[in-house]
Amino acid sequence: MSYESSSSYYMGSKRTRYVRVNASSGGAGPFPLITTLLADPIPVVDVTIDTTGMRSPVILLHYTSIVCLPLGVSITLNFEIKRSYQDGAAVCVGPTHTFSTLVTALEAESFAFQYFDSNLAPGVYTYSVQLSTNSVIDITPGLTINNAMLSALAVDNDPC
């Protein structure tokens, strides 16, 4: 038995650790042909999580969706994450996540990614997944993003 798993290790700990979870669903489309840069990003799904009371919160985001593709479509979808704090201005966080394919038969494909956000102050955060302005849908219109789910798991990561 390791030291960390023994009951005496946890008996001395009087500090409460906070864990919070929230999730939201959404989607987007059907889309027309998009062969030039979009004027604005297209929102897909967002989630809000409250880390008030945590000393050193960290947040794990998990995004999943089904991309429904019409026959003959050529796409490059670039997904980005925006974060706002306490209803402030949104900023991009993390890398761009790309879904790209040339479809030869009517199909649907799953698409998922995760992002770990750290070095945060306690408070209310809203995360939004959106299609960036440099996404391309070529040849055939009608692509949809269905069953988009964004979940946020916040944990107080303070070791004291």
N, C-alpha and C. Protein backbone atom coordinates (compact mmCIF):
# COMPACT_ATOMS: atom_id res chain seq x y z
N MET A 1 0.85 -1.17 0.00
CA MET A 1 0.00 0.00 0.00
C MET A 1 0.90 1.23 0.00
N SER A 2 0.60 2.16 -0.88
CA SER A 2 1.40 3.38 -0.93
C SER A 2 0.97 4.34 0.16
N TYR A 3 1.85 5.26 0.49
CA TYR A 3 1.58 6.24 1.52
C TYR A 3 0.36 7.09 1.18
N GLU A 4 0.22 7.48 -0.09
CA GLU A 4 -0.88 8.35 -0.50
C GLU A 4 -2.24 7.67 -0.40
N SER A 5 -2.28 6.34 -0.51
CA SER A 5 -3.58 5.68 -0.49
C SER A 5 -3.98 5.24 0.92
N SER A 6 -3.13 5.42 1.92
CA SER A 6 -3.49 5.02 3.27
C SER A 6 -4.45 6.04 3.88
N SER A 7 -5.34 5.57 4.75
CA SER A 7 -6.33 6.46 5.35
C SER A 7 -5.69 7.49 6.26
N SER A 8 -4.55 7.17 6.88
CA SER A 8 -3.90 8.14 7.77
C SER A 8 -3.38 9.36 7.01
N TYR A 9 -3.07 9.19 5.74
CA TYR A 9 -2.61 10.32 4.92
C TYR A 9 -3.72 11.35 4.76
N TYR A 10 -4.95 10.90 4.57
CA TYR A 10 -6.07 11.81 4.34
C TYR A 10 -6.69 12.32 5.63
N MET A 11 -6.50 11.64 6.74
CA MET A 11 -7.09 12.06 8.00
C MET A 11 -6.56 13.42 8.45
N GLY A 12 -5.29 13.70 8.18
CA GLY A 12 -4.69 14.96 8.60
C GLY A 12 -5.09 16.14 7.72
N SER A 13 -5.67 15.89 6.59
CA SER A 13 -6.05 16.95 5.65
C SER A 13 -7.42 17.50 6.03
N LYS A 14 -7.46 18.78 6.42
CA LYS A 14 -8.72 19.39 6.82
C LYS A 14 -9.28 20.32 5.76
N ARG A 15 -8.51 20.60 4.75
CA ARG A 15 -8.94 21.53 3.70
C ARG A 15 -9.85 20.81 2.71
N THR A 16 -10.94 21.45 2.38
CA THR A 16 -11.87 20.90 1.40
C THR A 16 -11.38 21.22 0.00
N ARG A 17 -11.39 20.22 -0.86
CA ARG A 17 -11.04 20.43 -2.27
C ARG A 17 -12.33 20.56 -3.06
N TYR A 18 -12.39 21.55 -3.91
CA TYR A 18 -13.58 21.79 -4.70
C TYR A 18 -13.43 21.21 -6.10
N VAL A 19 -14.50 20.62 -6.58
CA VAL A 19 -14.58 20.12 -7.95
C VAL A 19 -15.94 20.55 -8.48
N ARG A 20 -15.94 21.11 -9.68
CA ARG A 20 -17.20 21.51 -10.31
C ARG A 20 -17.19 21.04 -11.76
N VAL A 21 -18.38 20.73 -12.26
CA VAL A 21 -18.50 20.28 -13.65
C VAL A 21 -19.74 20.94 -14.26
N ASN A 22 -19.66 21.24 -15.54
CA ASN A 22 -20.80 21.77 -16.28
C ASN A 22 -20.63 21.36 -17.73
N ALA A 23 -21.73 21.28 -18.44
CA ALA A 23 -21.69 20.90 -19.85
C ALA A 23 -22.82 21.59 -20.59
N SER A 24 -22.64 21.71 -21.89
CA SER A 24 -23.65 22.34 -22.75
C SER A 24 -23.58 21.69 -24.12
N SER A 25 -24.72 21.73 -24.82
CA SER A 25 -24.74 21.17 -26.18
C SER A 25 -25.12 22.25 -27.17
N GLY A 26 -24.77 22.01 -28.43
CA GLY A 26 -25.05 22.98 -29.48
C GLY A 26 -24.82 22.37 -30.83
N GLY A 27 -24.59 23.20 -31.80
CA GLY A 27 -24.35 22.75 -33.17
C GLY A 27 -24.38 23.94 -34.11
N ALA A 28 -24.13 23.66 -35.38
CA ALA A 28 -24.13 24.73 -36.38
C ALA A 28 -24.42 24.13 -37.75
N GLY A 29 -25.02 24.95 -38.60
CA GLY A 29 -25.28 24.53 -39.98
C GLY A 29 -26.76 24.35 -40.22
N PRO A 30 -27.13 23.97 -41.42
CA PRO A 30 -26.28 23.62 -42.57
C PRO A 30 -25.60 24.86 -43.16
N PHE A 31 -24.37 24.64 -43.60
CA PHE A 31 -23.56 25.72 -44.13
C PHE A 31 -23.63 25.80 -45.65
N PRO A 32 -23.55 27.01 -46.19
CA PRO A 32 -23.42 27.18 -47.65
C PRO A 32 -21.97 26.93 -48.05
N LEU A 33 -21.66 27.12 -49.31
CA LEU A 33 -20.26 27.09 -49.74
C LEU A 33 -19.53 28.24 -49.07
N ILE A 34 -18.35 27.97 -48.55
CA ILE A 34 -17.52 29.02 -47.94
C ILE A 34 -16.15 28.90 -48.59
N THR A 35 -15.89 29.75 -49.57
CA THR A 35 -14.61 29.68 -50.29
C THR A 35 -13.73 30.89 -50.02
N THR A 36 -14.26 31.87 -49.29
CA THR A 36 -13.46 33.03 -48.89
C THR A 36 -13.47 33.10 -47.37
N LEU A 37 -12.65 33.97 -46.82
CA LEU A 37 -12.61 34.11 -45.37
C LEU A 37 -13.95 34.58 -44.84
N LEU A 38 -14.37 34.01 -43.72
CA LEU A 38 -15.60 34.45 -43.06
C LEU A 38 -15.39 35.83 -42.46
N ALA A 39 -16.45 36.61 -42.42
CA ALA A 39 -16.36 37.93 -41.79
C ALA A 39 -16.21 37.80 -40.28
N ASP A 40 -16.91 36.83 -39.69
CA ASP A 40 -16.88 36.60 -38.25
C ASP A 40 -16.82 35.10 -37.98
N PRO A 41 -16.25 34.70 -36.84
CA PRO A 41 -16.29 33.29 -36.47
C PRO A 41 -17.73 32.82 -36.27
N ILE A 42 -17.98 31.53 -36.45
CA ILE A 42 -19.32 30.96 -36.28
C ILE A 42 -19.35 30.19 -34.96
N PRO A 43 -20.19 30.60 -34.00
CA PRO A 43 -20.25 29.89 -32.72
C PRO A 43 -20.87 28.50 -32.88
N VAL A 44 -20.31 27.53 -32.15
CA VAL A 44 -20.82 26.16 -32.19
C VAL A 44 -21.45 25.80 -30.84
N VAL A 45 -20.72 26.00 -29.74
CA VAL A 45 -21.22 25.67 -28.41
C VAL A 45 -20.41 26.44 -27.37
N ASP A 46 -21.03 26.74 -26.23
CA ASP A 46 -20.30 27.38 -25.13
C ASP A 46 -20.75 26.81 -23.80
N VAL A 47 -19.90 26.97 -22.79
CA VAL A 47 -20.20 26.49 -21.45
C VAL A 47 -19.62 27.48 -20.44
N THR A 48 -20.30 27.63 -19.31
CA THR A 48 -19.86 28.51 -18.24
C THR A 48 -19.59 27.68 -17.00
N ILE A 49 -18.50 28.00 -16.30
CA ILE A 49 -18.18 27.29 -15.06
C ILE A 49 -17.69 28.29 -14.02
N ASP A 50 -18.14 28.09 -12.78
CA ASP A 50 -17.83 29.00 -11.67
C ASP A 50 -16.75 28.37 -10.78
N THR A 51 -15.60 29.02 -10.69
CA THR A 51 -14.51 28.51 -9.85
C THR A 51 -14.35 29.34 -8.58
N THR A 52 -15.37 30.13 -8.24
CA THR A 52 -15.34 30.93 -7.03
C THR A 52 -15.15 30.02 -5.82
N GLY A 53 -14.27 30.41 -4.91
CA GLY A 53 -13.99 29.61 -3.72
C GLY A 53 -12.79 28.69 -3.89
N MET A 54 -12.32 28.51 -5.10
CA MET A 54 -11.12 27.71 -5.34
C MET A 54 -9.91 28.62 -5.21
N ARG A 55 -8.80 28.07 -4.75
CA ARG A 55 -7.59 28.87 -4.60
C ARG A 55 -6.74 28.89 -5.86
N SER A 56 -6.65 27.75 -6.52
CA SER A 56 -5.81 27.63 -7.71
C SER A 56 -6.54 26.75 -8.73
N PRO A 57 -7.59 27.28 -9.36
CA PRO A 57 -8.40 26.43 -10.24
C PRO A 57 -7.69 26.07 -11.55
N VAL A 58 -7.95 24.85 -12.00
CA VAL A 58 -7.56 24.40 -13.33
C VAL A 58 -8.83 23.85 -13.98
N ILE A 59 -8.93 23.99 -15.30
CA ILE A 59 -10.15 23.57 -16.00
C ILE A 59 -9.78 22.69 -17.18
N LEU A 60 -10.43 21.53 -17.25
CA LEU A 60 -10.27 20.62 -18.38
C LEU A 60 -11.52 20.73 -19.24
N LEU A 61 -11.33 21.11 -20.51
CA LEU A 61 -12.43 21.18 -21.47
C LEU A 61 -12.39 19.94 -22.35
N HIS A 62 -13.57 19.42 -22.66
CA HIS A 62 -13.67 18.28 -23.57
C HIS A 62 -14.77 18.60 -24.58
N TYR A 63 -14.41 18.60 -25.87
CA TYR A 63 -15.34 18.92 -26.95
C TYR A 63 -15.54 17.67 -27.81
N THR A 64 -16.79 17.36 -28.11
CA THR A 64 -17.11 16.28 -29.06
C THR A 64 -18.22 16.76 -29.98
N SER A 65 -18.23 16.24 -31.20
CA SER A 65 -19.31 16.57 -32.14
C SER A 65 -19.35 15.53 -33.25
N ILE A 66 -20.42 15.57 -34.02
CA ILE A 66 -20.57 14.77 -35.23
C ILE A 66 -20.61 15.76 -36.39
N VAL A 67 -19.72 15.58 -37.35
CA VAL A 67 -19.70 16.42 -38.55
C VAL A 67 -20.37 15.63 -39.66
N CYS A 68 -21.54 16.10 -40.09
CA CYS A 68 -22.31 15.43 -41.15
C CYS A 68 -21.91 16.04 -42.49
N LEU A 69 -21.47 15.17 -43.40
CA LEU A 69 -20.84 15.62 -44.64
C LEU A 69 -21.63 15.17 -45.86
N PRO A 70 -22.03 16.10 -46.72
CA PRO A 70 -22.70 15.72 -47.96
C PRO A 70 -21.70 15.15 -48.96
N LEU A 71 -22.20 14.43 -49.92
CA LEU A 71 -21.38 13.82 -50.96
C LEU A 71 -20.57 14.87 -51.72
N GLY A 72 -19.29 14.63 -51.86
CA GLY A 72 -18.44 15.48 -52.69
C GLY A 72 -17.91 16.73 -52.02
N VAL A 73 -18.14 16.91 -50.73
CA VAL A 73 -17.67 18.13 -50.07
C VAL A 73 -16.18 18.03 -49.75
N SER A 74 -15.51 19.14 -49.87
CA SER A 74 -14.10 19.27 -49.48
C SER A 74 -14.07 20.33 -48.39
N ILE A 75 -13.62 19.96 -47.20
CA ILE A 75 -13.68 20.92 -46.09
C ILE A 75 -12.38 20.99 -45.31
N THR A 76 -12.18 22.14 -44.73
CA THR A 76 -11.19 22.35 -43.69
C THR A 76 -11.88 23.23 -42.65
N LEU A 77 -12.19 22.62 -41.51
CA LEU A 77 -12.83 23.35 -40.42
C LEU A 77 -11.80 23.58 -39.33
N ASN A 78 -11.60 24.82 -38.98
CA ASN A 78 -10.66 25.19 -37.92
C ASN A 78 -11.45 25.65 -36.70
N PHE A 79 -11.35 24.88 -35.63
CA PHE A 79 -12.06 25.18 -34.40
C PHE A 79 -11.11 25.89 -33.44
N GLU A 80 -11.60 26.96 -32.82
CA GLU A 80 -10.81 27.67 -31.82
C GLU A 80 -11.63 27.83 -30.55
N ILE A 81 -10.93 27.98 -29.44
CA ILE A 81 -11.56 28.15 -28.14
C ILE A 81 -11.37 29.59 -27.69
N LYS A 82 -12.46 30.21 -27.27
CA LYS A 82 -12.38 31.55 -26.69
C LYS A 82 -12.81 31.45 -25.23
N ARG A 83 -12.12 32.22 -24.38
CA ARG A 83 -12.41 32.24 -22.95
C ARG A 83 -12.69 33.67 -22.52
N SER A 84 -13.75 33.84 -21.74
CA SER A 84 -13.98 35.14 -21.11
C SER A 84 -14.04 34.93 -19.60
N TYR A 85 -13.60 35.94 -18.87
CA TYR A 85 -13.53 35.88 -17.42
C TYR A 85 -14.41 36.98 -16.84
N GLN A 86 -15.34 36.59 -15.98
CA GLN A 86 -16.23 37.54 -15.30
C GLN A 86 -16.93 38.46 -16.30
N ASP A 87 -17.44 37.94 -17.38
CA ASP A 87 -18.15 38.70 -18.42
C ASP A 87 -17.26 39.73 -19.12
N GLY A 88 -15.96 39.53 -19.09
CA GLY A 88 -15.03 40.43 -19.78
C GLY A 88 -14.88 40.04 -21.24
N ALA A 89 -13.94 40.66 -21.90
CA ALA A 89 -13.69 40.39 -23.32
C ALA A 89 -13.15 38.97 -23.51
N ALA A 90 -13.56 38.34 -24.59
CA ALA A 90 -13.12 36.98 -24.90
C ALA A 90 -11.75 37.00 -25.56
N VAL A 91 -10.91 36.03 -25.17
CA VAL A 91 -9.58 35.87 -25.77
C VAL A 91 -9.43 34.43 -26.23
N CYS A 92 -8.69 34.24 -27.31
CA CYS A 92 -8.42 32.89 -27.79
C CYS A 92 -7.42 32.21 -26.86
N VAL A 93 -7.69 30.95 -26.54
CA VAL A 93 -6.77 30.15 -25.73
C VAL A 93 -6.53 28.83 -26.44
N GLY A 94 -5.35 28.29 -26.23
CA GLY A 94 -5.03 26.99 -26.81
C GLY A 94 -4.80 27.03 -28.30
N PRO A 95 -4.49 25.86 -28.86
CA PRO A 95 -4.22 25.77 -30.30
C PRO A 95 -5.51 25.72 -31.11
N THR A 96 -5.37 25.86 -32.42
CA THR A 96 -6.50 25.64 -33.34
C THR A 96 -6.59 24.15 -33.62
N HIS A 97 -7.80 23.61 -33.59
CA HIS A 97 -8.03 22.19 -33.85
C HIS A 97 -8.67 22.06 -35.23
N THR A 98 -8.04 21.29 -36.12
CA THR A 98 -8.46 21.23 -37.52
C THR A 98 -9.09 19.89 -37.87
N PHE A 99 -10.24 19.97 -38.55
CA PHE A 99 -10.91 18.81 -39.14
C PHE A 99 -10.90 19.04 -40.64
N SER A 100 -10.28 18.12 -41.39
CA SER A 100 -10.16 18.31 -42.83
C SER A 100 -10.39 16.99 -43.54
N THR A 101 -11.18 17.01 -44.63
CA THR A 101 -11.44 15.79 -45.38
C THR A 101 -12.02 16.11 -46.75
N LEU A 102 -11.91 15.15 -47.65
CA LEU A 102 -12.58 15.19 -48.95
C LEU A 102 -13.51 13.99 -48.96
N VAL A 103 -14.80 14.22 -49.06
CA VAL A 103 -15.80 13.17 -48.92
C VAL A 103 -16.16 12.59 -50.28
N THR A 104 -16.13 11.26 -50.39
CA THR A 104 -16.53 10.58 -51.63
C THR A 104 -17.87 9.87 -51.48
N ALA A 105 -18.39 9.79 -50.26
CA ALA A 105 -19.71 9.19 -50.01
C ALA A 105 -20.36 9.96 -48.86
N LEU A 106 -21.67 9.97 -48.83
CA LEU A 106 -22.40 10.62 -47.74
C LEU A 106 -21.97 9.98 -46.43
N GLU A 107 -21.52 10.78 -45.49
CA GLU A 107 -21.03 10.21 -44.24
C GLU A 107 -21.12 11.21 -43.10
N ALA A 108 -20.88 10.69 -41.90
CA ALA A 108 -20.77 11.51 -40.70
C ALA A 108 -19.55 11.03 -39.94
N GLU A 109 -18.77 11.96 -39.43
CA GLU A 109 -17.55 11.61 -38.70
C GLU A 109 -17.55 12.32 -37.35
N SER A 110 -17.04 11.62 -36.35
CA SER A 110 -16.90 12.24 -35.04
C SER A 110 -15.63 13.08 -35.01
N PHE A 111 -15.67 14.12 -34.20
CA PHE A 111 -14.51 15.00 -34.03
C PHE A 111 -14.47 15.42 -32.57
N ALA A 112 -13.30 15.31 -31.94
CA ALA A 112 -13.18 15.63 -30.53
C ALA A 112 -11.80 16.19 -30.23
N PHE A 113 -11.73 16.99 -29.19
CA PHE A 113 -10.44 17.46 -28.67
C PHE A 113 -10.60 17.87 -27.22
N GLN A 114 -9.47 17.99 -26.52
CA GLN A 114 -9.45 18.43 -25.13
C GLN A 114 -8.48 19.60 -24.99
N TYR A 115 -8.73 20.40 -23.96
CA TYR A 115 -7.82 21.50 -23.66
C TYR A 115 -7.76 21.67 -22.14
N PHE A 116 -6.56 21.79 -21.60
CA PHE A 116 -6.34 21.98 -20.17
C PHE A 116 -5.92 23.42 -19.94
N ASP A 117 -6.71 24.16 -19.16
CA ASP A 117 -6.45 25.57 -18.89
C ASP A 117 -6.00 25.72 -17.44
N SER A 118 -4.83 26.32 -17.25
CA SER A 118 -4.28 26.45 -15.90
C SER A 118 -3.83 27.89 -15.66
N ASN A 119 -3.28 28.13 -14.47
CA ASN A 119 -2.85 29.47 -14.04
C ASN A 119 -4.01 30.46 -14.09
N LEU A 120 -5.13 30.05 -13.54
CA LEU A 120 -6.35 30.85 -13.56
C LEU A 120 -6.64 31.46 -12.19
N ALA A 121 -7.30 32.59 -12.19
CA ALA A 121 -7.79 33.20 -10.96
C ALA A 121 -9.20 32.65 -10.69
N PRO A 122 -9.61 32.55 -9.43
CA PRO A 122 -10.98 32.12 -9.15
C PRO A 122 -11.99 33.09 -9.75
N GLY A 123 -13.12 32.57 -10.18
CA GLY A 123 -14.17 33.40 -10.76
C GLY A 123 -14.99 32.61 -11.76
N VAL A 124 -15.78 33.32 -12.55
CA VAL A 124 -16.67 32.69 -13.52
C VAL A 124 -16.05 32.78 -14.91
N TYR A 125 -15.90 31.63 -15.56
CA TYR A 125 -15.32 31.54 -16.90
C TYR A 125 -16.36 31.02 -17.88
N THR A 126 -16.36 31.61 -19.07
CA THR A 126 -17.18 31.10 -20.17
C THR A 126 -16.25 30.73 -21.31
N TYR A 127 -16.39 29.50 -21.78
CA TYR A 127 -15.60 29.00 -22.90
C TYR A 127 -16.52 28.80 -24.08
N SER A 128 -16.06 29.18 -25.25
CA SER A 128 -16.84 29.05 -26.48
C SER A 128 -15.98 28.37 -27.54
N VAL A 129 -16.54 27.35 -28.20
CA VAL A 129 -15.89 26.73 -29.35
C VAL A 129 -16.55 27.32 -30.58
N GLN A 130 -15.73 27.79 -31.52
CA GLN A 130 -16.27 28.40 -32.73
C GLN A 130 -15.42 28.03 -33.93
N LEU A 131 -16.05 28.12 -35.11
CA LEU A 131 -15.31 27.93 -36.35
C LEU A 131 -14.57 29.22 -36.65
N SER A 132 -13.27 29.13 -36.89
CA SER A 132 -12.50 30.34 -37.16
C SER A 132 -12.78 30.86 -38.56
N THR A 133 -12.36 32.07 -38.79
CA THR A 133 -12.67 32.74 -40.06
C THR A 133 -11.95 32.13 -41.25
N ASN A 134 -10.95 31.29 -41.03
CA ASN A 134 -10.24 30.68 -42.16
C ASN A 134 -10.70 29.25 -42.46
N SER A 135 -11.91 28.88 -42.04
CA SER A 135 -12.49 27.58 -42.39
C SER A 135 -13.00 27.62 -43.83
N VAL A 136 -12.95 26.46 -44.51
CA VAL A 136 -13.35 26.38 -45.92
C VAL A 136 -14.30 25.20 -46.13
N ILE A 137 -15.42 25.46 -46.81
CA ILE A 137 -16.34 24.41 -47.26
C ILE A 137 -16.47 24.60 -48.76
N ASP A 138 -15.95 23.64 -49.53
CA ASP A 138 -15.86 23.80 -50.97
C ASP A 138 -16.63 22.69 -51.69
N ILE A 139 -17.04 22.94 -52.88
CA ILE A 139 -17.68 22.03 -53.83
C ILE A 139 -19.17 21.84 -53.56
N THR A 140 -19.55 21.39 -52.34
CA THR A 140 -20.96 21.07 -52.06
C THR A 140 -21.40 21.73 -50.76
N PRO A 141 -22.53 22.44 -50.74
CA PRO A 141 -23.04 23.00 -49.48
C PRO A 141 -23.77 21.93 -48.67
N GLY A 142 -24.12 22.25 -47.43
CA GLY A 142 -24.96 21.37 -46.63
C GLY A 142 -24.30 20.73 -45.43
N LEU A 143 -23.05 21.02 -45.17
CA LEU A 143 -22.37 20.46 -44.01
C LEU A 143 -23.04 20.94 -42.73
N THR A 144 -23.17 20.05 -41.74
CA THR A 144 -23.70 20.44 -40.43
C THR A 144 -22.80 19.88 -39.33
N ILE A 145 -22.79 20.56 -38.21
CA ILE A 145 -22.10 20.09 -37.01
C ILE A 145 -23.19 19.80 -35.99
N ASN A 146 -23.39 18.51 -35.71
CA ASN A 146 -24.48 18.07 -34.83
C ASN A 146 -23.93 17.56 -33.50
N ASN A 147 -24.81 17.54 -32.51
CA ASN A 147 -24.50 16.97 -31.19
C ASN A 147 -23.18 17.49 -30.62
N ALA A 148 -22.91 18.76 -30.83
CA ALA A 148 -21.70 19.35 -30.26
C ALA A 148 -21.87 19.45 -28.74
N MET A 149 -20.92 18.92 -28.02
CA MET A 149 -20.97 18.93 -26.56
C MET A 149 -19.65 19.49 -26.03
N LEU A 150 -19.76 20.48 -25.15
CA LEU A 150 -18.58 21.05 -24.50
C LEU A 150 -18.75 20.90 -23.00
N SER A 151 -17.85 20.15 -22.38
CA SER A 151 -17.92 19.97 -20.93
C SER A 151 -16.69 20.61 -20.30
N ALA A 152 -16.88 21.12 -19.10
CA ALA A 152 -15.80 21.77 -18.35
C ALA A 152 -15.75 21.15 -16.96
N LEU A 153 -14.57 20.69 -16.58
CA LEU A 153 -14.32 20.13 -15.26
C LEU A 153 -13.31 21.03 -14.57
N ALA A 154 -13.73 21.67 -13.48
CA ALA A 154 -12.84 22.56 -12.73
C ALA A 154 -12.46 21.89 -11.42
N VAL A 155 -11.17 21.95 -11.10
CA VAL A 155 -10.64 21.33 -9.89
C VAL A 155 -9.75 22.35 -9.19
N ASP A 156 -9.86 22.41 -7.87
CA ASP A 156 -8.96 23.26 -7.10
C ASP A 156 -7.62 22.54 -6.99
N ASN A 157 -6.61 23.07 -7.63
CA ASN A 157 -5.31 22.41 -7.74
C ASN A 157 -4.32 22.91 -6.70
N ASP A 158 -4.79 23.61 -5.68
CA ASP A 158 -3.90 24.14 -4.65
C ASP A 158 -3.42 22.99 -3.76
N PRO A 159 -2.11 22.81 -3.63
CA PRO A 159 -1.60 21.68 -2.86
C PRO A 159 -1.71 21.86 -1.34
N CYS A 160 -2.02 23.06 -0.88
CA CYS A 160 -2.08 23.30 0.57
C CYS A 160 -3.46 23.09 1.13
